[in-house]
């Protein structure tokens, strides 16, 4: 399982539920700094511009539809509309155990 791909799909679904077009791109990337979580969704700016709304407003609407139960321990909005995702340690531990049990190490 690719964590970034999983998060991207979850955020994309939440963006669509919040009114974004079906071809929206959530731009989920690993965070460069630990204070911003493990991953960030940076796609709110471009999509909000297309929708004619503030990026932070879109991010707030996306959060109401974003279900990361069992995956993230914390999800927050930062700055103009970035969504910071802090992975749940139990989820990470399970992911590592599955990868180690695989003959291909989850690759």
PDB file of N, CA and C in Angstrom:
ATOM      1  N   UNK A   1       0.842  -1.178   0.000  1.00  0.00           N
ATOM      2  CA  UNK A   1       0.000   0.000   0.000  1.00  0.00           C
ATOM      3  C   UNK A   1       0.888   1.243   0.000  1.00  0.00           C
ATOM      4  N   UNK A   2       0.602   2.147  -0.862  1.00  0.00           N
ATOM      5  CA  UNK A   2       1.320   3.410  -0.961  1.00  0.00           C
ATOM      6  C   UNK A   2       0.555   4.460  -0.147  1.00  0.00           C
ATOM      7  N   UNK A   3       1.173   4.935   0.926  1.00  0.00           N
ATOM      8  CA  UNK A   3       0.499   5.877   1.824  1.00  0.00           C
ATOM      9  C   UNK A   3       0.139   7.168   1.105  1.00  0.00           C
ATOM     10  N   UNK A   4       1.048   7.690   0.308  1.00  0.00           N
ATOM     11  CA  UNK A   4       0.780   8.946  -0.401  1.00  0.00           C
ATOM     12  C   UNK A   4      -0.398   8.789  -1.358  1.00  0.00           C
ATOM     13  N   UNK A   5      -0.463   7.670  -2.061  1.00  0.00           N
ATOM     14  CA  UNK A   5      -1.577   7.427  -2.985  1.00  0.00           C
ATOM     15  C   UNK A   5      -2.896   7.292  -2.221  1.00  0.00           C
ATOM     16  N   UNK A   6      -2.862   6.608  -1.084  1.00  0.00           N
ATOM     17  CA  UNK A   6      -4.063   6.456  -0.256  1.00  0.00           C
ATOM     18  C   UNK A   6      -4.564   7.821   0.216  1.00  0.00           C
ATOM     19  N   UNK A   7      -3.658   8.642   0.741  1.00  0.00           N
ATOM     20  CA  UNK A   7      -4.041   9.976   1.209  1.00  0.00           C
ATOM     21  C   UNK A   7      -4.540  10.843   0.061  1.00  0.00           C
ATOM     22  N   UNK A   8      -3.877  10.757  -1.084  1.00  0.00           N
ATOM     23  CA  UNK A   8      -4.300  11.546  -2.247  1.00  0.00           C
ATOM     24  C   UNK A   8      -5.731  11.216  -2.639  1.00  0.00           C
ATOM     25  N   UNK A   9      -6.062   9.938  -2.660  1.00  0.00           N
ATOM     26  CA  UNK A   9      -7.417   9.539  -3.044  1.00  0.00           C
ATOM     27  C   UNK A   9      -8.442   9.995  -2.010  1.00  0.00           C
ATOM     28  N   UNK A  10      -8.110   9.857  -0.729  1.00  0.00           N
ATOM     29  CA  UNK A  10      -9.031  10.292   0.331  1.00  0.00           C
ATOM     30  C   UNK A  10      -9.277  11.801   0.251  1.00  0.00           C
ATOM     31  N   UNK A  11      -8.202  12.585   0.059  1.00  0.00           N
ATOM     32  CA  UNK A  11      -8.348  14.041  -0.026  1.00  0.00           C
ATOM     33  C   UNK A  11      -9.113  14.415  -1.293  1.00  0.00           C
ATOM     34  N   UNK A  12      -8.817  13.740  -2.400  1.00  0.00           N
ATOM     35  CA  UNK A  12      -9.522  14.024  -3.656  1.00  0.00           C
ATOM     36  C   UNK A  12     -11.025  13.789  -3.500  1.00  0.00           C
ATOM     37  N   UNK A  13     -11.401  12.685  -2.882  1.00  0.00           N
ATOM     38  CA  UNK A  13     -12.817  12.392  -2.649  1.00  0.00           C
ATOM     39  C   UNK A  13     -13.468  13.466  -1.785  1.00  0.00           C
ATOM     40  N   UNK A  14     -12.755  13.927  -0.759  1.00  0.00           N
ATOM     41  CA  UNK A  14     -13.285  14.979   0.113  1.00  0.00           C
ATOM     42  C   UNK A  14     -13.403  16.299  -0.639  1.00  0.00           C
ATOM     43  N   UNK A  15     -12.451  16.582  -1.520  1.00  0.00           N
ATOM     44  CA  UNK A  15     -12.508  17.808  -2.323  1.00  0.00           C
ATOM     45  C   UNK A  15     -13.728  17.792  -3.235  1.00  0.00           C
ATOM     46  N   UNK A  16     -13.976  16.656  -3.869  1.00  0.00           N
ATOM     47  CA  UNK A  16     -15.138  16.526  -4.757  1.00  0.00           C
ATOM     48  C   UNK A  16     -16.429  16.696  -3.953  1.00  0.00           C
ATOM     49  N   UNK A  17     -16.484  16.080  -2.769  1.00  0.00           N
ATOM     50  CA  UNK A  17     -17.667  16.220  -1.911  1.00  0.00           C
ATOM     51  C   UNK A  17     -17.880  17.674  -1.482  1.00  0.00           C
ATOM     52  N   UNK A  18     -16.782  18.443  -1.428  1.00  0.00           N
ATOM     53  CA  UNK A  18     -16.865  19.860  -1.045  1.00  0.00           C
ATOM     54  C   UNK A  18     -17.167  20.767  -2.232  1.00  0.00           C
ATOM     55  N   UNK A  19     -17.321  20.181  -3.424  1.00  0.00           N
ATOM     56  CA  UNK A  19     -17.703  20.972  -4.591  1.00  0.00           C
ATOM     57  C   UNK A  19     -16.636  21.146  -5.649  1.00  0.00           C
ATOM     58  N   UNK A  20     -15.475  20.524  -5.462  1.00  0.00           N
ATOM     59  CA  UNK A  20     -14.399  20.624  -6.455  1.00  0.00           C
ATOM     60  C   UNK A  20     -14.734  19.766  -7.673  1.00  0.00           C
ATOM     61  N   UNK A  21     -14.182  20.105  -8.840  1.00  0.00           N
ATOM     62  CA  UNK A  21     -14.424  19.286 -10.031  1.00  0.00           C
ATOM     63  C   UNK A  21     -13.821  17.888  -9.871  1.00  0.00           C
ATOM     64  N   UNK A  22     -14.378  16.924 -10.594  1.00  0.00           N
ATOM     65  CA  UNK A  22     -13.947  15.530 -10.478  1.00  0.00           C
ATOM     66  C   UNK A  22     -12.485  15.320 -10.852  1.00  0.00           C
ATOM     67  N   UNK A  23     -11.927  16.204 -11.665  1.00  0.00           N
ATOM     68  CA  UNK A  23     -10.529  16.045 -12.077  1.00  0.00           C
ATOM     69  C   UNK A  23      -9.559  16.843 -11.196  1.00  0.00           C
ATOM     70  N   UNK A  24     -10.000  17.234 -10.002  1.00  0.00           N
ATOM     71  CA  UNK A  24      -9.151  18.041  -9.114  1.00  0.00           C
ATOM     72  C   UNK A  24      -7.917  17.247  -8.682  1.00  0.00           C
ATOM     73  N   UNK A  25      -6.863  17.959  -8.385  1.00  0.00           N
ATOM     74  CA  UNK A  25      -5.601  17.357  -7.960  1.00  0.00           C
ATOM     75  C   UNK A  25      -5.294  17.819  -6.540  1.00  0.00           C
ATOM     76  N   UNK A  26      -5.297  16.905  -5.554  1.00  0.00           N
ATOM     77  CA  UNK A  26      -5.076  17.307  -4.166  1.00  0.00           C
ATOM     78  C   UNK A  26      -3.626  17.697  -3.845  1.00  0.00           C
ATOM     79  N   UNK A  27      -2.688  17.284  -4.668  1.00  0.00           N
ATOM     80  CA  UNK A  27      -1.268  17.597  -4.478  1.00  0.00           C
ATOM     81  C   UNK A  27      -0.779  17.202  -3.087  1.00  0.00           C
ATOM     82  N   UNK A  28      -0.974  15.949  -2.717  1.00  0.00           N
ATOM     83  CA  UNK A  28      -0.500  15.446  -1.427  1.00  0.00           C
ATOM     84  C   UNK A  28       0.972  15.088  -1.565  1.00  0.00           C
ATOM     85  N   UNK A  29       1.778  15.668  -0.683  1.00  0.00           N
ATOM     86  CA  UNK A  29       3.230  15.461  -0.688  1.00  0.00           C
ATOM     87  C   UNK A  29       3.709  15.251   0.741  1.00  0.00           C
ATOM     88  N   UNK A  30       4.864  14.602   0.875  1.00  0.00           N
ATOM     89  CA  UNK A  30       5.479  14.502   2.193  1.00  0.00           C
ATOM     90  C   UNK A  30       5.874  15.897   2.644  1.00  0.00           C
ATOM     91  N   UNK A  31       5.658  16.179   3.911  1.00  0.00           N
ATOM     92  CA  UNK A  31       5.997  17.492   4.454  1.00  0.00           C
ATOM     93  C   UNK A  31       7.507  17.651   4.556  1.00  0.00           C
ATOM     94  N   UNK A  32       7.976  18.844   4.252  1.00  0.00           N
ATOM     95  CA  UNK A  32       9.405  19.144   4.344  1.00  0.00           C
ATOM     96  C   UNK A  32       9.831  19.374   5.793  1.00  0.00           C
ATOM     97  N   UNK A  33       8.897  19.816   6.628  1.00  0.00           N
ATOM     98  CA  UNK A  33       9.206  20.111   8.025  1.00  0.00           C
ATOM     99  C   UNK A  33       8.236  19.365   8.929  1.00  0.00           C
ATOM    100  N   UNK A  34       8.767  18.786   9.997  1.00  0.00           N
ATOM    101  CA  UNK A  34       7.977  17.944  10.890  1.00  0.00           C
ATOM    102  C   UNK A  34       6.808  18.696  11.535  1.00  0.00           C
ATOM    103  N   UNK A  35       6.942  19.993  11.759  1.00  0.00           N
ATOM    104  CA  UNK A  35       5.846  20.742  12.387  1.00  0.00           C
ATOM    105  C   UNK A  35       4.620  20.837  11.484  1.00  0.00           C
ATOM    106  N   UNK A  36       4.790  20.524  10.191  1.00  0.00           N
ATOM    107  CA  UNK A  36       3.672  20.554   9.252  1.00  0.00           C
ATOM    108  C   UNK A  36       3.062  19.170   9.047  1.00  0.00           C
ATOM    109  N   UNK A  37       3.423  18.219   9.892  1.00  0.00           N
ATOM    110  CA  UNK A  37       2.876  16.880   9.795  1.00  0.00           C
ATOM    111  C   UNK A  37       3.729  15.980   8.925  1.00  0.00           C
ATOM    112  N   UNK A  38       3.175  14.814   8.623  1.00  0.00           N
ATOM    113  CA  UNK A  38       3.876  13.846   7.779  1.00  0.00           C
ATOM    114  C   UNK A  38       3.618  14.120   6.302  1.00  0.00           C
ATOM    115  N   UNK A  39       2.409  14.568   5.997  1.00  0.00           N
ATOM    116  CA  UNK A  39       2.014  14.884   4.620  1.00  0.00           C
ATOM    117  C   UNK A  39       1.248  16.193   4.609  1.00  0.00           C
ATOM    118  N   UNK A  40       1.261  16.854   3.452  1.00  0.00           N
ATOM    119  CA  UNK A  40       0.490  18.082   3.244  1.00  0.00           C
ATOM    120  C   UNK A  40      -0.308  17.946   1.957  1.00  0.00           C
ATOM    121  N   UNK A  41      -1.528  18.456   1.981  1.00  0.00           N
ATOM    122  CA  UNK A  41      -2.331  18.575   0.760  1.00  0.00           C
ATOM    123  C   UNK A  41      -2.286  20.041   0.359  1.00  0.00           C
ATOM    124  N   UNK A  42      -1.675  20.315  -0.780  1.00  0.00           N
ATOM    125  CA  UNK A  42      -1.437  21.688  -1.222  1.00  0.00           C
ATOM    126  C   UNK A  42      -2.343  22.126  -2.366  1.00  0.00           C
ATOM    127  N   UNK A  43      -3.292  21.297  -2.754  1.00  0.00           N
ATOM    128  CA  UNK A  43      -4.095  21.570  -3.939  1.00  0.00           C
ATOM    129  C   UNK A  43      -5.258  22.529  -3.764  1.00  0.00           C
ATOM    130  N   UNK A  44      -5.474  23.021  -2.553  1.00  0.00           N
ATOM    131  CA  UNK A  44      -6.636  23.885  -2.319  1.00  0.00           C
ATOM    132  C   UNK A  44      -6.526  25.217  -3.060  1.00  0.00           C
ATOM    133  N   UNK A  45      -5.312  25.750  -3.194  1.00  0.00           N
ATOM    134  CA  UNK A  45      -5.146  27.062  -3.814  1.00  0.00           C
ATOM    135  C   UNK A  45      -5.641  27.070  -5.262  1.00  0.00           C
ATOM    136  N   UNK A  46      -5.180  26.117  -6.051  1.00  0.00           N
ATOM    137  CA  UNK A  46      -5.554  26.081  -7.469  1.00  0.00           C
ATOM    138  C   UNK A  46      -7.048  25.807  -7.648  1.00  0.00           C
ATOM    139  N   UNK A  47      -7.575  24.873  -6.875  1.00  0.00           N
ATOM    140  CA  UNK A  47      -8.993  24.520  -7.006  1.00  0.00           C
ATOM    141  C   UNK A  47      -9.884  25.657  -6.510  1.00  0.00           C
ATOM    142  N   UNK A  48      -9.508  26.290  -5.410  1.00  0.00           N
ATOM    143  CA  UNK A  48     -10.305  27.401  -4.879  1.00  0.00           C
ATOM    144  C   UNK A  48     -10.378  28.543  -5.885  1.00  0.00           C
ATOM    145  N   UNK A  49      -9.280  28.786  -6.582  1.00  0.00           N
ATOM    146  CA  UNK A  49      -9.268  29.849  -7.596  1.00  0.00           C
ATOM    147  C   UNK A  49     -10.292  29.545  -8.691  1.00  0.00           C
ATOM    148  N   UNK A  50     -10.339  28.280  -9.133  1.00  0.00           N
ATOM    149  CA  UNK A  50     -11.308  27.877 -10.157  1.00  0.00           C
ATOM    150  C   UNK A  50     -12.748  28.037  -9.663  1.00  0.00           C
ATOM    151  N   UNK A  51     -12.943  27.803  -8.360  1.00  0.00           N
ATOM    152  CA  UNK A  51     -14.285  27.879  -7.781  1.00  0.00           C
ATOM    153  C   UNK A  51     -14.654  29.294  -7.342  1.00  0.00           C
ATOM    154  N   UNK A  52     -13.680  30.204  -7.382  1.00  0.00           N
ATOM    155  CA  UNK A  52     -13.935  31.581  -6.973  1.00  0.00           C
ATOM    156  C   UNK A  52     -14.138  31.740  -5.477  1.00  0.00           C
ATOM    157  N   UNK A  53     -13.392  30.969  -4.700  1.00  0.00           N
ATOM    158  CA  UNK A  53     -13.515  31.055  -3.246  1.00  0.00           C
ATOM    159  C   UNK A  53     -12.138  31.113  -2.602  1.00  0.00           C
ATOM    160  N   UNK A  54     -12.094  31.445  -1.336  1.00  0.00           N
ATOM    161  CA  UNK A  54     -10.834  31.502  -0.604  1.00  0.00           C
ATOM    162  C   UNK A  54     -10.317  30.082  -0.363  1.00  0.00           C
ATOM    163  N   UNK A  55      -9.010  29.844  -0.539  1.00  0.00           N
ATOM    164  CA  UNK A  55      -8.448  28.510  -0.324  1.00  0.00           C
ATOM    165  C   UNK A  55      -8.707  27.962   1.081  1.00  0.00           C
ATOM    166  N   UNK A  56      -8.618  28.817   2.076  1.00  0.00           N
ATOM    167  CA  UNK A  56      -8.851  28.355   3.449  1.00  0.00           C
ATOM    168  C   UNK A  56     -10.305  27.910   3.623  1.00  0.00           C
ATOM    169  N   UNK A  57     -11.232  28.613   2.999  1.00  0.00           N
ATOM    170  CA  UNK A  57     -12.650  28.232   3.063  1.00  0.00           C
ATOM    171  C   UNK A  57     -12.852  26.855   2.430  1.00  0.00           C
ATOM    172  N   UNK A  58     -12.213  26.623   1.287  1.00  0.00           N
ATOM    173  CA  UNK A  58     -12.302  25.307   0.650  1.00  0.00           C
ATOM    174  C   UNK A  58     -11.689  24.242   1.550  1.00  0.00           C
ATOM    175  N   UNK A  59     -10.529  24.528   2.135  1.00  0.00           N
ATOM    176  CA  UNK A  59      -9.875  23.566   3.026  1.00  0.00           C
ATOM    177  C   UNK A  59     -10.784  23.211   4.198  1.00  0.00           C
ATOM    178  N   UNK A  60     -11.472  24.195   4.755  1.00  0.00           N
ATOM    179  CA  UNK A  60     -12.404  23.932   5.858  1.00  0.00           C
ATOM    180  C   UNK A  60     -13.537  23.017   5.409  1.00  0.00           C
ATOM    181  N   UNK A  61     -14.053  23.250   4.213  1.00  0.00           N
ATOM    182  CA  UNK A  61     -15.124  22.391   3.687  1.00  0.00           C
ATOM    183  C   UNK A  61     -14.605  20.982   3.409  1.00  0.00           C
ATOM    184  N   UNK A  62     -13.387  20.891   2.895  1.00  0.00           N
ATOM    185  CA  UNK A  62     -12.786  19.579   2.621  1.00  0.00           C
ATOM    186  C   UNK A  62     -12.646  18.795   3.921  1.00  0.00           C
ATOM    187  N   UNK A  63     -12.200  19.451   4.984  1.00  0.00           N
ATOM    188  CA  UNK A  63     -12.028  18.756   6.265  1.00  0.00           C
ATOM    189  C   UNK A  63     -13.328  18.162   6.779  1.00  0.00           C
ATOM    190  N   UNK A  64     -14.457  18.798   6.498  1.00  0.00           N
ATOM    191  CA  UNK A  64     -15.734  18.244   6.967  1.00  0.00           C
ATOM    192  C   UNK A  64     -16.073  16.932   6.257  1.00  0.00           C
ATOM    193  N   UNK A  65     -15.469  16.699   5.100  1.00  0.00           N
ATOM    194  CA  UNK A  65     -15.733  15.479   4.325  1.00  0.00           C
ATOM    195  C   UNK A  65     -14.578  14.477   4.380  1.00  0.00           C
ATOM    196  N   UNK A  66     -13.469  14.858   4.977  1.00  0.00           N
ATOM    197  CA  UNK A  66     -12.259  14.031   4.959  1.00  0.00           C
ATOM    198  C   UNK A  66     -12.284  13.025   6.101  1.00  0.00           C
ATOM    199  N   UNK A  67     -12.329  11.741   5.754  1.00  0.00           N
ATOM    200  CA  UNK A  67     -12.343  10.673   6.755  1.00  0.00           C
ATOM    201  C   UNK A  67     -10.991   9.974   6.757  1.00  0.00           C
ATOM    202  N   UNK A  68     -10.182  10.293   7.743  1.00  0.00           N
ATOM    203  CA  UNK A  68      -8.881   9.644   7.893  1.00  0.00           C
ATOM    204  C   UNK A  68      -8.809   8.883   9.217  1.00  0.00           C
ATOM    205  N   UNK A  69      -9.967   8.424   9.706  1.00  0.00           N
ATOM    206  CA  UNK A  69      -9.997   7.635  10.940  1.00  0.00           C
ATOM    207  C   UNK A  69      -9.145   6.389  10.774  1.00  0.00           C
ATOM    208  N   UNK A  70      -8.278   6.148  11.745  1.00  0.00           N
ATOM    209  CA  UNK A  70      -7.392   5.000  11.696  1.00  0.00           C
ATOM    210  C   UNK A  70      -6.153   5.227  10.855  1.00  0.00           C
ATOM    211  N   UNK A  71      -6.066   6.352  10.182  1.00  0.00           N
ATOM    212  CA  UNK A  71      -4.906   6.680   9.346  1.00  0.00           C
ATOM    213  C   UNK A  71      -4.138   7.856   9.942  1.00  0.00           C
ATOM    214  N   UNK A  72      -4.858   8.900  10.313  1.00  0.00           N
ATOM    215  CA  UNK A  72      -4.225  10.114  10.837  1.00  0.00           C
ATOM    216  C   UNK A  72      -4.635  10.342  12.286  1.00  0.00           C
ATOM    217  N   UNK A  73      -3.688  10.801  13.080  1.00  0.00           N
ATOM    218  CA  UNK A  73      -3.986  11.152  14.465  1.00  0.00           C
ATOM    219  C   UNK A  73      -4.432  12.605  14.573  1.00  0.00           C
ATOM    220  N   UNK A  74      -4.068  13.409  13.561  1.00  0.00           N
ATOM    221  CA  UNK A  74      -4.405  14.834  13.582  1.00  0.00           C
ATOM    222  C   UNK A  74      -4.398  15.359  12.154  1.00  0.00           C
ATOM    223  N   UNK A  75      -5.368  16.217  11.842  1.00  0.00           N
ATOM    224  CA  UNK A  75      -5.440  16.890  10.546  1.00  0.00           C
ATOM    225  C   UNK A  75      -5.766  18.347  10.843  1.00  0.00           C
ATOM    226  N   UNK A  76      -4.991  19.271  10.252  1.00  0.00           N
ATOM    227  CA  UNK A  76      -5.206  20.690  10.531  1.00  0.00           C
ATOM    228  C   UNK A  76      -5.015  21.526   9.277  1.00  0.00           C
ATOM    229  N   UNK A  77      -5.595  22.708   9.307  1.00  0.00           N
ATOM    230  CA  UNK A  77      -5.408  23.675   8.222  1.00  0.00           C
ATOM    231  C   UNK A  77      -4.331  24.652   8.663  1.00  0.00           C
ATOM    232  N   UNK A  78      -3.400  24.936   7.768  1.00  0.00           N
ATOM    233  CA  UNK A  78      -2.333  25.890   8.061  1.00  0.00           C
ATOM    234  C   UNK A  78      -2.270  26.929   6.951  1.00  0.00           C
ATOM    235  N   UNK A  79      -1.876  28.131   7.339  1.00  0.00           N
ATOM    236  CA  UNK A  79      -1.690  29.193   6.358  1.00  0.00           C
ATOM    237  C   UNK A  79      -2.945  29.459   5.553  1.00  0.00           C
ATOM    238  N   UNK A  80      -2.763  29.715   4.259  1.00  0.00           N
ATOM    239  CA  UNK A  80      -3.893  30.111   3.420  1.00  0.00           C
ATOM    240  C   UNK A  80      -4.830  28.965   3.042  1.00  0.00           C
ATOM    241  N   UNK A  81      -4.449  27.710   3.340  1.00  0.00           N
ATOM    242  CA  UNK A  81      -5.325  26.600   2.972  1.00  0.00           C
ATOM    243  C   UNK A  81      -4.617  25.271   2.814  1.00  0.00           C
ATOM    244  N   UNK A  82      -3.421  25.147   3.367  1.00  0.00           N
ATOM    245  CA  UNK A  82      -2.727  23.861   3.344  1.00  0.00           C
ATOM    246  C   UNK A  82      -3.389  22.941   4.360  1.00  0.00           C
ATOM    247  N   UNK A  83      -3.495  21.663   4.028  1.00  0.00           N
ATOM    248  CA  UNK A  83      -4.020  20.681   4.971  1.00  0.00           C
ATOM    249  C   UNK A  83      -2.851  19.808   5.412  1.00  0.00           C
ATOM    250  N   UNK A  84      -2.531  19.885   6.708  1.00  0.00           N
ATOM    251  CA  UNK A  84      -1.438  19.107   7.285  1.00  0.00           C
ATOM    252  C   UNK A  84      -2.001  17.815   7.858  1.00  0.00           C
ATOM    253  N   UNK A  85      -1.343  16.706   7.545  1.00  0.00           N
ATOM    254  CA  UNK A  85      -1.804  15.387   7.977  1.00  0.00           C
ATOM    255  C   UNK A  85      -0.711  14.737   8.817  1.00  0.00           C
ATOM    256  N   UNK A  86      -1.059  14.402  10.047  1.00  0.00           N
ATOM    257  CA  UNK A  86      -0.151  13.729  10.968  1.00  0.00           C
ATOM    258  C   UNK A  86      -0.596  12.272  11.053  1.00  0.00           C
ATOM    259  N   UNK A  87       0.229  11.349  10.609  1.00  0.00           N
ATOM    260  CA  UNK A  87      -0.155   9.945  10.586  1.00  0.00           C
ATOM    261  C   UNK A  87      -0.240   9.368  11.990  1.00  0.00           C
ATOM    262  N   UNK A  88      -1.169   8.436  12.157  1.00  0.00           N
ATOM    263  CA  UNK A  88      -1.350   7.732  13.418  1.00  0.00           C
ATOM    264  C   UNK A  88      -0.211   6.719  13.565  1.00  0.00           C
ATOM    265  N   UNK A  89       0.515   6.729  14.692  1.00  0.00           N
ATOM    266  CA  UNK A  89       1.616   5.775  14.875  1.00  0.00           C
ATOM    267  C   UNK A  89       1.173   4.317  14.734  1.00  0.00           C
ATOM    268  N   UNK A  90      -0.035   3.986  15.170  1.00  0.00           N
ATOM    269  CA  UNK A  90      -0.535   2.610  15.036  1.00  0.00           C
ATOM    270  C   UNK A  90      -0.705   2.242  13.564  1.00  0.00           C
ATOM    271  N   UNK A  91      -1.171   3.185  12.752  1.00  0.00           N
ATOM    272  CA  UNK A  91      -1.305   2.951  11.314  1.00  0.00           C
ATOM    273  C   UNK A  91       0.069   2.712  10.697  1.00  0.00           C
ATOM    274  N   UNK A  92       1.048   3.530  11.075  1.00  0.00           N
ATOM    275  CA  UNK A  92       2.408   3.360  10.548  1.00  0.00           C
ATOM    276  C   UNK A  92       2.991   2.015  10.950  1.00  0.00           C
ATOM    277  N   UNK A  93       2.797   1.623  12.209  1.00  0.00           N
ATOM    278  CA  UNK A  93       3.321   0.346  12.688  1.00  0.00           C
ATOM    279  C   UNK A  93       2.717  -0.815  11.902  1.00  0.00           C
ATOM    280  N   UNK A  94       1.420  -0.757  11.667  1.00  0.00           N
ATOM    281  CA  UNK A  94       0.750  -1.807  10.890  1.00  0.00           C
ATOM    282  C   UNK A  94       1.284  -1.844   9.459  1.00  0.00           C
ATOM    283  N   UNK A  95       1.473  -0.676   8.878  1.00  0.00           N
ATOM    284  CA  UNK A  95       1.990  -0.578   7.511  1.00  0.00           C
ATOM    285  C   UNK A  95       3.397  -1.177   7.419  1.00  0.00           C
ATOM    286  N   UNK A  96       4.236  -0.899   8.393  1.00  0.00           N
ATOM    287  CA  UNK A  96       5.605  -1.435   8.411  1.00  0.00           C
ATOM    288  C   UNK A  96       5.569  -2.948   8.588  1.00  0.00           C
ATOM    289  N   UNK A  97       4.717  -3.445   9.475  1.00  0.00           N
ATOM    290  CA  UNK A  97       4.608  -4.890   9.684  1.00  0.00           C
ATOM    291  C   UNK A  97       4.168  -5.601   8.408  1.00  0.00           C
ATOM    292  N   UNK A  98       3.216  -5.029   7.690  1.00  0.00           N
ATOM    293  CA  UNK A  98       2.767  -5.624   6.430  1.00  0.00           C
ATOM    294  C   UNK A  98       3.893  -5.634   5.405  1.00  0.00           C
ATOM    295  N   UNK A  99       4.643  -4.553   5.341  1.00  0.00           N
ATOM    296  CA  UNK A  99       5.748  -4.478   4.385  1.00  0.00           C
ATOM    297  C   UNK A  99       6.818  -5.507   4.720  1.00  0.00           C
ATOM    298  N   UNK A 100       7.133  -5.666   5.998  1.00  0.00           N
ATOM    299  CA  UNK A 100       8.158  -6.628   6.406  1.00  0.00           C
ATOM    300  C   UNK A 100       7.712  -8.066   6.162  1.00  0.00           C
ATOM    301  N   UNK A 101       6.417  -8.329   6.244  1.00  0.00           N
ATOM    302  CA  UNK A 101       5.894  -9.674   6.013  1.00  0.00           C
ATOM    303  C   UNK A 101       5.861 -10.033   4.529  1.00  0.00           C
ATOM    304  N   UNK A 102       5.936  -9.041   3.676  1.00  0.00           N
ATOM    305  CA  UNK A 102       5.881  -9.258   2.234  1.00  0.00           C
ATOM    306  C   UNK A 102       7.242  -9.692   1.702  1.00  0.00           C
ATOM    307  N   UNK A 103       7.232 -10.638   0.765  1.00  0.00           N
ATOM    308  CA  UNK A 103       8.482 -11.072   0.130  1.00  0.00           C
ATOM    309  C   UNK A 103       9.167  -9.927  -0.591  1.00  0.00           C
ATOM    310  N   UNK A 104       8.381  -8.973  -1.044  1.00  0.00           N
ATOM    311  CA  UNK A 104       8.936  -7.828  -1.784  1.00  0.00           C
ATOM    312  C   UNK A 104       9.011  -6.572  -0.921  1.00  0.00           C
ATOM    313  N   UNK A 105       8.822  -6.717   0.399  1.00  0.00           N
ATOM    314  CA  UNK A 105       8.861  -5.593   1.341  1.00  0.00           C
ATOM    315  C   UNK A 105       7.873  -4.492   0.981  1.00  0.00           C
ATOM    316  N   UNK A 106       6.726  -4.878   0.462  1.00  0.00           N
ATOM    317  CA  UNK A 106       5.686  -3.913   0.151  1.00  0.00           C
ATOM    318  C   UNK A 106       5.935  -3.099  -1.097  1.00  0.00           C
ATOM    319  N   UNK A 107       6.918  -3.480  -1.898  1.00  0.00           N
ATOM    320  CA  UNK A 107       7.245  -2.736  -3.130  1.00  0.00           C
ATOM    321  C   UNK A 107       6.566  -3.391  -4.311  1.00  0.00           C
TER     322      UNK A 107
END
